[in-house]
Amino acid sequence: MEKVFEIYIRTTPERLWKAITDPEIRSKYQFGNRISSDFTPGSRFEMTHEGAPGPLGEGQNLEVDPPHKLVQNMVALWGEDVKSEGTSRITWQIEPVGDSCHLTVTHDQLREDANNQLYGGWPMILSGLKTWLETGQLLTTPGSLMYGST
């Protein structure tokens, strides 16, 4: 199964890439979660939250082409129900369009009828990313309230 999410953000490819790969910025729009990695091809990444009892996800950076494309595989670890889903793949594709960027996030290699916790948060994440890049403000979403204030 494949889920595709698209959004236009008024920013540069370089700022968007930094927002995707910088743990501090990422925590501002992805429910307070931090993504730690050196973002080189083949390197590992880990998703954590200071209020969570352990890592929330982990995986490998399969393709790293700043500031255009990032392909990662990931295993969700925030609960047994999602951990049992196994590995899926996330592709971030950035295309400049005038003074903006067209961002496409493809979450695939999901089993048919996969647990929607794996992909259901993308609209909140991408809305928060757009809001933060365009206004500098944090967007309150149900997901951002999951582990308390960030």
N, C-alpha and C. Protein backbone atom coordinates (compact mmCIF):
# COMPACT_ATOMS: atom_id res chain seq x y z
N MET A 1 0.85 -1.18 0.00
CA MET A 1 0.00 0.00 0.00
C MET A 1 0.89 1.24 0.00
N GLU A 2 0.41 2.29 -0.64
CA GLU A 2 1.15 3.55 -0.75
C GLU A 2 0.23 4.70 -0.39
N LYS A 3 0.75 5.65 0.41
CA LYS A 3 0.03 6.88 0.73
C LYS A 3 0.90 8.06 0.27
N VAL A 4 0.29 8.99 -0.46
CA VAL A 4 1.02 10.13 -1.00
C VAL A 4 0.40 11.41 -0.46
N PHE A 5 1.24 12.31 0.04
CA PHE A 5 0.81 13.59 0.59
C PHE A 5 1.59 14.70 -0.11
N GLU A 6 0.88 15.71 -0.58
CA GLU A 6 1.52 16.82 -1.29
C GLU A 6 1.13 18.14 -0.63
N ILE A 7 2.08 19.07 -0.63
CA ILE A 7 1.81 20.39 -0.07
C ILE A 7 2.76 21.39 -0.73
N TYR A 8 2.31 22.62 -0.86
CA TYR A 8 3.16 23.72 -1.34
C TYR A 8 3.50 24.59 -0.15
N ILE A 9 4.77 24.94 -0.04
CA ILE A 9 5.26 25.74 1.09
C ILE A 9 6.09 26.88 0.54
N ARG A 10 5.79 28.08 1.00
CA ARG A 10 6.56 29.25 0.56
C ARG A 10 7.88 29.28 1.33
N THR A 11 8.90 28.70 0.72
CA THR A 11 10.23 28.62 1.31
C THR A 11 11.21 28.19 0.22
N THR A 12 12.48 28.12 0.56
CA THR A 12 13.49 27.63 -0.37
C THR A 12 13.73 26.14 -0.14
N PRO A 13 14.25 25.44 -1.15
CA PRO A 13 14.58 24.04 -0.94
C PRO A 13 15.57 23.83 0.22
N GLU A 14 16.51 24.74 0.37
CA GLU A 14 17.51 24.63 1.44
C GLU A 14 16.87 24.75 2.82
N ARG A 15 15.97 25.71 3.01
CA ARG A 15 15.28 25.85 4.30
C ARG A 15 14.39 24.66 4.58
N LEU A 16 13.73 24.15 3.55
CA LEU A 16 12.86 22.99 3.72
C LEU A 16 13.69 21.76 4.09
N TRP A 17 14.81 21.55 3.41
CA TRP A 17 15.69 20.43 3.72
C TRP A 17 16.16 20.51 5.17
N LYS A 18 16.57 21.70 5.59
CA LYS A 18 17.03 21.86 6.97
C LYS A 18 15.91 21.54 7.95
N ALA A 19 14.69 21.97 7.64
CA ALA A 19 13.55 21.71 8.53
C ALA A 19 13.26 20.21 8.64
N ILE A 20 13.55 19.47 7.58
CA ILE A 20 13.31 18.02 7.59
C ILE A 20 14.42 17.29 8.36
N THR A 21 15.65 17.78 8.28
CA THR A 21 16.79 17.04 8.82
C THR A 21 17.35 17.58 10.14
N ASP A 22 16.96 18.75 10.57
CA ASP A 22 17.46 19.31 11.82
C ASP A 22 16.56 18.86 12.98
N PRO A 23 17.12 18.17 13.99
CA PRO A 23 16.29 17.61 15.06
C PRO A 23 15.49 18.67 15.83
N GLU A 24 16.09 19.83 16.07
CA GLU A 24 15.40 20.88 16.82
C GLU A 24 14.21 21.44 16.04
N ILE A 25 14.43 21.72 14.75
CA ILE A 25 13.34 22.24 13.92
C ILE A 25 12.26 21.16 13.76
N ARG A 26 12.68 19.93 13.50
CA ARG A 26 11.72 18.84 13.28
C ARG A 26 10.78 18.69 14.47
N SER A 27 11.32 18.86 15.68
CA SER A 27 10.49 18.71 16.88
C SER A 27 9.39 19.76 16.96
N LYS A 28 9.56 20.88 16.26
CA LYS A 28 8.57 21.96 16.29
C LYS A 28 7.30 21.61 15.53
N TYR A 29 7.36 20.70 14.58
CA TYR A 29 6.18 20.38 13.79
C TYR A 29 5.83 18.90 13.76
N GLN A 30 6.68 18.03 14.31
CA GLN A 30 6.38 16.60 14.31
C GLN A 30 6.14 16.11 15.73
N PHE A 31 5.13 16.69 16.37
CA PHE A 31 4.64 16.24 17.67
C PHE A 31 5.69 16.28 18.77
N GLY A 32 6.70 17.13 18.61
CA GLY A 32 7.78 17.22 19.60
C GLY A 32 8.86 16.16 19.41
N ASN A 33 8.72 15.32 18.38
CA ASN A 33 9.68 14.25 18.13
C ASN A 33 10.94 14.78 17.48
N ARG A 34 12.07 14.22 17.88
CA ARG A 34 13.37 14.58 17.30
C ARG A 34 13.86 13.43 16.42
N ILE A 35 14.42 13.77 15.29
CA ILE A 35 15.02 12.80 14.38
C ILE A 35 16.53 13.01 14.44
N SER A 36 17.26 12.01 14.91
CA SER A 36 18.71 12.12 15.05
C SER A 36 19.39 11.25 14.00
N SER A 37 20.28 11.87 13.23
CA SER A 37 21.04 11.16 12.20
C SER A 37 22.09 12.10 11.63
N ASP A 38 23.07 11.52 10.94
CA ASP A 38 24.00 12.36 10.18
C ASP A 38 23.54 12.52 8.73
N PHE A 39 22.43 11.87 8.38
CA PHE A 39 21.82 11.96 7.05
C PHE A 39 22.82 11.77 5.92
N THR A 40 23.54 10.66 6.01
CA THR A 40 24.37 10.20 4.90
C THR A 40 23.78 8.88 4.40
N PRO A 41 23.99 8.55 3.13
CA PRO A 41 23.43 7.31 2.60
C PRO A 41 23.89 6.10 3.42
N GLY A 42 22.93 5.28 3.83
CA GLY A 42 23.22 4.09 4.59
C GLY A 42 23.26 4.29 6.10
N SER A 43 23.25 5.55 6.54
CA SER A 43 23.31 5.81 7.99
C SER A 43 21.96 5.54 8.64
N ARG A 44 21.98 5.36 9.95
CA ARG A 44 20.76 5.11 10.72
C ARG A 44 20.16 6.43 11.20
N PHE A 45 18.88 6.38 11.54
CA PHE A 45 18.25 7.49 12.23
C PHE A 45 17.39 6.92 13.34
N GLU A 46 17.12 7.78 14.33
CA GLU A 46 16.26 7.40 15.44
C GLU A 46 15.31 8.55 15.73
N MET A 47 14.06 8.22 16.01
CA MET A 47 13.06 9.22 16.37
C MET A 47 12.76 9.06 17.86
N THR A 48 12.92 10.14 18.61
CA THR A 48 12.71 10.10 20.06
C THR A 48 11.86 11.29 20.49
N HIS A 49 11.35 11.21 21.71
CA HIS A 49 10.64 12.31 22.35
C HIS A 49 10.99 12.25 23.83
N GLU A 50 11.32 13.39 24.41
CA GLU A 50 11.76 13.40 25.81
C GLU A 50 10.68 12.85 26.75
N GLY A 51 9.41 12.92 26.37
CA GLY A 51 8.34 12.42 27.22
C GLY A 51 7.97 10.98 26.97
N ALA A 52 8.59 10.35 25.99
CA ALA A 52 8.26 8.96 25.65
C ALA A 52 9.17 8.01 26.44
N PRO A 53 8.71 6.80 26.72
CA PRO A 53 9.51 5.86 27.51
C PRO A 53 10.70 5.27 26.76
N GLY A 54 10.75 5.41 25.44
CA GLY A 54 11.86 4.87 24.65
C GLY A 54 11.78 5.41 23.25
N PRO A 55 12.63 4.91 22.34
CA PRO A 55 12.58 5.37 20.95
C PRO A 55 11.20 5.14 20.33
N LEU A 56 10.79 6.06 19.48
CA LEU A 56 9.48 5.97 18.82
C LEU A 56 9.59 5.39 17.41
N GLY A 57 10.78 5.39 16.86
CA GLY A 57 11.00 4.85 15.53
C GLY A 57 12.49 4.81 15.23
N GLU A 58 12.84 3.99 14.24
CA GLU A 58 14.23 3.91 13.81
C GLU A 58 14.26 3.41 12.38
N GLY A 59 15.37 3.66 11.73
CA GLY A 59 15.48 3.21 10.35
C GLY A 59 16.80 3.58 9.74
N GLN A 60 16.81 3.57 8.41
CA GLN A 60 18.03 3.82 7.65
C GLN A 60 17.74 4.83 6.55
N ASN A 61 18.72 5.70 6.31
CA ASN A 61 18.66 6.65 5.20
C ASN A 61 19.14 5.93 3.95
N LEU A 62 18.23 5.68 3.03
CA LEU A 62 18.55 4.91 1.83
C LEU A 62 19.12 5.77 0.71
N GLU A 63 18.54 6.97 0.56
CA GLU A 63 19.00 7.91 -0.47
C GLU A 63 18.98 9.31 0.13
N VAL A 64 20.10 10.03 0.00
CA VAL A 64 20.21 11.37 0.57
C VAL A 64 20.76 12.29 -0.52
N ASP A 65 19.92 13.18 -1.02
CA ASP A 65 20.29 14.10 -2.09
C ASP A 65 19.81 15.51 -1.74
N PRO A 66 20.57 16.19 -0.82
CA PRO A 66 20.13 17.52 -0.38
C PRO A 66 20.23 18.55 -1.51
N PRO A 67 19.32 19.48 -1.61
CA PRO A 67 18.06 19.60 -0.89
C PRO A 67 16.88 19.11 -1.71
N HIS A 68 17.01 17.97 -2.35
CA HIS A 68 15.98 17.51 -3.28
C HIS A 68 15.21 16.28 -2.83
N LYS A 69 15.92 15.30 -2.26
CA LYS A 69 15.25 14.03 -1.98
C LYS A 69 15.90 13.31 -0.80
N LEU A 70 15.02 12.74 0.05
CA LEU A 70 15.45 11.90 1.16
C LEU A 70 14.55 10.67 1.17
N VAL A 71 15.17 9.49 1.11
CA VAL A 71 14.43 8.24 1.16
C VAL A 71 14.91 7.47 2.38
N GLN A 72 13.97 7.06 3.22
CA GLN A 72 14.29 6.35 4.45
C GLN A 72 13.39 5.12 4.61
N ASN A 73 13.91 4.07 5.23
CA ASN A 73 13.01 3.03 5.69
C ASN A 73 12.85 3.22 7.19
N MET A 74 11.74 2.76 7.74
CA MET A 74 11.44 3.02 9.14
C MET A 74 10.65 1.88 9.75
N VAL A 75 10.96 1.60 11.01
CA VAL A 75 10.14 0.73 11.83
C VAL A 75 9.58 1.60 12.96
N ALA A 76 8.26 1.64 13.09
CA ALA A 76 7.62 2.38 14.17
C ALA A 76 7.74 1.57 15.45
N LEU A 77 8.08 2.25 16.55
CA LEU A 77 8.32 1.56 17.83
C LEU A 77 7.43 2.07 18.96
N TRP A 78 6.48 2.96 18.66
CA TRP A 78 5.73 3.57 19.76
C TRP A 78 4.67 2.65 20.35
N GLY A 79 4.45 1.50 19.80
CA GLY A 79 3.50 0.54 20.38
C GLY A 79 3.63 -0.80 19.68
N GLU A 80 3.23 -1.86 20.38
CA GLU A 80 3.33 -3.20 19.80
C GLU A 80 2.51 -3.33 18.52
N ASP A 81 1.35 -2.63 18.47
CA ASP A 81 0.48 -2.72 17.30
C ASP A 81 1.14 -2.18 16.04
N VAL A 82 1.97 -1.14 16.17
CA VAL A 82 2.67 -0.61 14.99
C VAL A 82 4.01 -1.29 14.76
N LYS A 83 4.67 -1.70 15.83
CA LYS A 83 5.94 -2.41 15.68
C LYS A 83 5.75 -3.67 14.86
N SER A 84 4.62 -4.34 15.04
CA SER A 84 4.36 -5.59 14.32
C SER A 84 4.11 -5.37 12.83
N GLU A 85 3.94 -4.11 12.41
CA GLU A 85 3.74 -3.80 10.99
C GLU A 85 5.03 -3.94 10.18
N GLY A 86 6.17 -3.93 10.87
CA GLY A 86 7.45 -4.08 10.16
C GLY A 86 7.93 -2.79 9.53
N THR A 87 8.77 -2.93 8.53
CA THR A 87 9.44 -1.79 7.89
C THR A 87 8.60 -1.21 6.76
N SER A 88 8.55 0.12 6.71
CA SER A 88 7.94 0.83 5.59
C SER A 88 8.95 1.86 5.09
N ARG A 89 8.62 2.53 4.00
CA ARG A 89 9.55 3.49 3.38
C ARG A 89 8.89 4.85 3.28
N ILE A 90 9.68 5.90 3.54
CA ILE A 90 9.22 7.28 3.44
C ILE A 90 10.14 8.02 2.49
N THR A 91 9.55 8.67 1.48
CA THR A 91 10.31 9.46 0.51
C THR A 91 9.86 10.91 0.59
N TRP A 92 10.81 11.80 0.84
CA TRP A 92 10.58 13.25 0.84
C TRP A 92 11.14 13.78 -0.49
N GLN A 93 10.29 14.35 -1.33
CA GLN A 93 10.74 14.89 -2.62
C GLN A 93 10.44 16.39 -2.63
N ILE A 94 11.48 17.21 -2.84
CA ILE A 94 11.35 18.66 -2.83
C ILE A 94 11.59 19.20 -4.24
N GLU A 95 10.62 19.95 -4.76
CA GLU A 95 10.75 20.56 -6.08
C GLU A 95 10.48 22.06 -5.96
N PRO A 96 11.45 22.91 -6.37
CA PRO A 96 11.19 24.36 -6.33
C PRO A 96 10.15 24.74 -7.37
N VAL A 97 9.26 25.65 -6.98
CA VAL A 97 8.23 26.18 -7.87
C VAL A 97 8.13 27.68 -7.58
N GLY A 98 8.75 28.50 -8.41
CA GLY A 98 8.74 29.94 -8.17
C GLY A 98 9.38 30.25 -6.83
N ASP A 99 8.64 30.97 -5.97
CA ASP A 99 9.17 31.34 -4.65
C ASP A 99 8.78 30.32 -3.58
N SER A 100 8.35 29.14 -4.01
CA SER A 100 7.87 28.12 -3.09
C SER A 100 8.49 26.76 -3.42
N CYS A 101 8.08 25.76 -2.67
CA CYS A 101 8.48 24.38 -2.92
C CYS A 101 7.25 23.49 -2.94
N HIS A 102 7.27 22.53 -3.83
CA HIS A 102 6.26 21.48 -3.85
C HIS A 102 6.89 20.30 -3.12
N LEU A 103 6.33 19.94 -1.98
CA LEU A 103 6.83 18.83 -1.19
C LEU A 103 5.88 17.65 -1.35
N THR A 104 6.42 16.52 -1.77
CA THR A 104 5.65 15.28 -1.85
C THR A 104 6.27 14.29 -0.88
N VAL A 105 5.45 13.79 0.03
CA VAL A 105 5.87 12.74 0.95
C VAL A 105 5.11 11.47 0.57
N THR A 106 5.86 10.45 0.21
CA THR A 106 5.28 9.16 -0.15
C THR A 106 5.65 8.16 0.93
N HIS A 107 4.64 7.61 1.56
CA HIS A 107 4.86 6.57 2.58
C HIS A 107 4.36 5.27 1.96
N ASP A 108 5.28 4.37 1.63
CA ASP A 108 4.90 3.16 0.94
C ASP A 108 5.56 1.93 1.57
N GLN A 109 5.45 0.83 0.85
CA GLN A 109 5.87 -0.47 1.36
C GLN A 109 5.13 -0.79 2.66
N LEU A 110 3.88 -0.32 2.70
CA LEU A 110 2.97 -0.63 3.80
C LEU A 110 2.14 -1.84 3.39
N ARG A 111 1.86 -2.72 4.32
CA ARG A 111 1.01 -3.86 3.96
C ARG A 111 -0.41 -3.34 3.74
N GLU A 112 -1.17 -4.04 2.93
CA GLU A 112 -2.57 -3.69 2.68
C GLU A 112 -3.29 -3.68 4.04
N ASP A 113 -4.13 -2.68 4.27
CA ASP A 113 -4.83 -2.51 5.55
C ASP A 113 -3.88 -2.27 6.73
N ALA A 114 -2.74 -1.65 6.47
CA ALA A 114 -1.78 -1.34 7.54
C ALA A 114 -2.44 -0.44 8.58
N ASN A 115 -1.93 -0.51 9.79
CA ASN A 115 -2.41 0.32 10.90
C ASN A 115 -2.28 1.79 10.50
N ASN A 116 -3.37 2.55 10.56
CA ASN A 116 -3.32 3.94 10.11
C ASN A 116 -2.51 4.85 11.02
N GLN A 117 -2.08 4.37 12.17
CA GLN A 117 -1.16 5.17 12.99
C GLN A 117 0.16 5.41 12.25
N LEU A 118 0.51 4.53 11.33
CA LEU A 118 1.77 4.67 10.59
C LEU A 118 1.76 5.88 9.66
N TYR A 119 0.63 6.17 9.05
CA TYR A 119 0.57 7.22 8.03
C TYR A 119 -0.47 8.30 8.33
N GLY A 120 -1.31 8.09 9.32
CA GLY A 120 -2.40 9.03 9.60
C GLY A 120 -1.97 10.39 10.12
N GLY A 121 -0.75 10.50 10.63
CA GLY A 121 -0.27 11.77 11.16
C GLY A 121 0.32 12.71 10.12
N TRP A 122 0.52 12.23 8.89
CA TRP A 122 1.18 13.08 7.89
C TRP A 122 0.47 14.40 7.63
N PRO A 123 -0.85 14.46 7.52
CA PRO A 123 -1.47 15.78 7.31
C PRO A 123 -1.16 16.77 8.44
N MET A 124 -1.14 16.30 9.69
CA MET A 124 -0.79 17.19 10.81
C MET A 124 0.67 17.62 10.74
N ILE A 125 1.56 16.66 10.44
CA ILE A 125 3.00 16.96 10.36
C ILE A 125 3.26 17.99 9.26
N LEU A 126 2.72 17.76 8.08
CA LEU A 126 2.98 18.67 6.96
C LEU A 126 2.33 20.03 7.16
N SER A 127 1.17 20.07 7.78
CA SER A 127 0.54 21.35 8.09
C SER A 127 1.39 22.13 9.10
N GLY A 128 1.93 21.42 10.09
CA GLY A 128 2.81 22.07 11.06
C GLY A 128 4.10 22.56 10.43
N LEU A 129 4.65 21.78 9.50
CA LEU A 129 5.86 22.17 8.78
C LEU A 129 5.61 23.44 7.98
N LYS A 130 4.51 23.48 7.24
CA LYS A 130 4.17 24.66 6.44
C LYS A 130 3.97 25.88 7.34
N THR A 131 3.21 25.71 8.40
CA THR A 131 2.95 26.82 9.32
C THR A 131 4.25 27.35 9.90
N TRP A 132 5.13 26.45 10.36
CA TRP A 132 6.37 26.90 10.99
C TRP A 132 7.27 27.61 9.98
N LEU A 133 7.43 27.05 8.79
CA LEU A 133 8.31 27.68 7.80
C LEU A 133 7.77 29.02 7.32
N GLU A 134 6.46 29.13 7.17
CA GLU A 134 5.89 30.37 6.62
C GLU A 134 5.64 31.44 7.67
N THR A 135 5.41 31.06 8.93
CA THR A 135 5.05 32.06 9.95
C THR A 135 5.95 32.06 11.17
N GLY A 136 6.72 30.98 11.36
CA GLY A 136 7.51 30.85 12.58
C GLY A 136 6.69 30.42 13.79
N GLN A 137 5.41 30.15 13.58
CA GLN A 137 4.51 29.77 14.66
C GLN A 137 4.37 28.25 14.73
N LEU A 138 4.07 27.75 15.93
CA LEU A 138 3.79 26.33 16.10
C LEU A 138 2.31 26.09 15.89
N LEU A 139 1.97 24.99 15.27
CA LEU A 139 0.59 24.61 15.02
C LEU A 139 0.19 23.55 16.03
N THR A 140 -0.87 23.83 16.79
CA THR A 140 -1.37 22.85 17.75
C THR A 140 -2.23 21.83 17.01
N THR A 141 -1.86 20.55 17.14
CA THR A 141 -2.61 19.45 16.53
C THR A 141 -2.83 18.40 17.62
N PRO A 142 -3.77 17.50 17.42
CA PRO A 142 -3.93 16.42 18.40
C PRO A 142 -2.61 15.67 18.67
N GLY A 143 -1.83 15.43 17.61
CA GLY A 143 -0.56 14.73 17.78
C GLY A 143 0.44 15.52 18.61
N SER A 144 0.41 16.85 18.50
CA SER A 144 1.38 17.66 19.25
C SER A 144 1.11 17.64 20.74
N LEU A 145 -0.07 17.23 21.13
CA LEU A 145 -0.44 17.19 22.54
C LEU A 145 -0.20 15.82 23.18
N MET A 146 0.27 14.86 22.38
CA MET A 146 0.37 13.47 22.82
C MET A 146 1.25 13.28 24.05
N TYR A 147 2.42 13.92 24.09
CA TYR A 147 3.35 13.72 25.21
C TYR A 147 3.48 14.98 26.06
N GLY A 148 2.49 15.83 26.04
CA GLY A 148 2.56 17.06 26.81
C GLY A 148 3.25 18.15 26.02
N SER A 149 3.51 19.25 26.65
CA SER A 149 4.10 20.41 25.96
C SER A 149 5.54 20.12 25.58
N THR A 150 5.97 20.73 24.44
CA THR A 150 7.33 20.53 23.94
C THR A 150 8.23 21.68 24.32
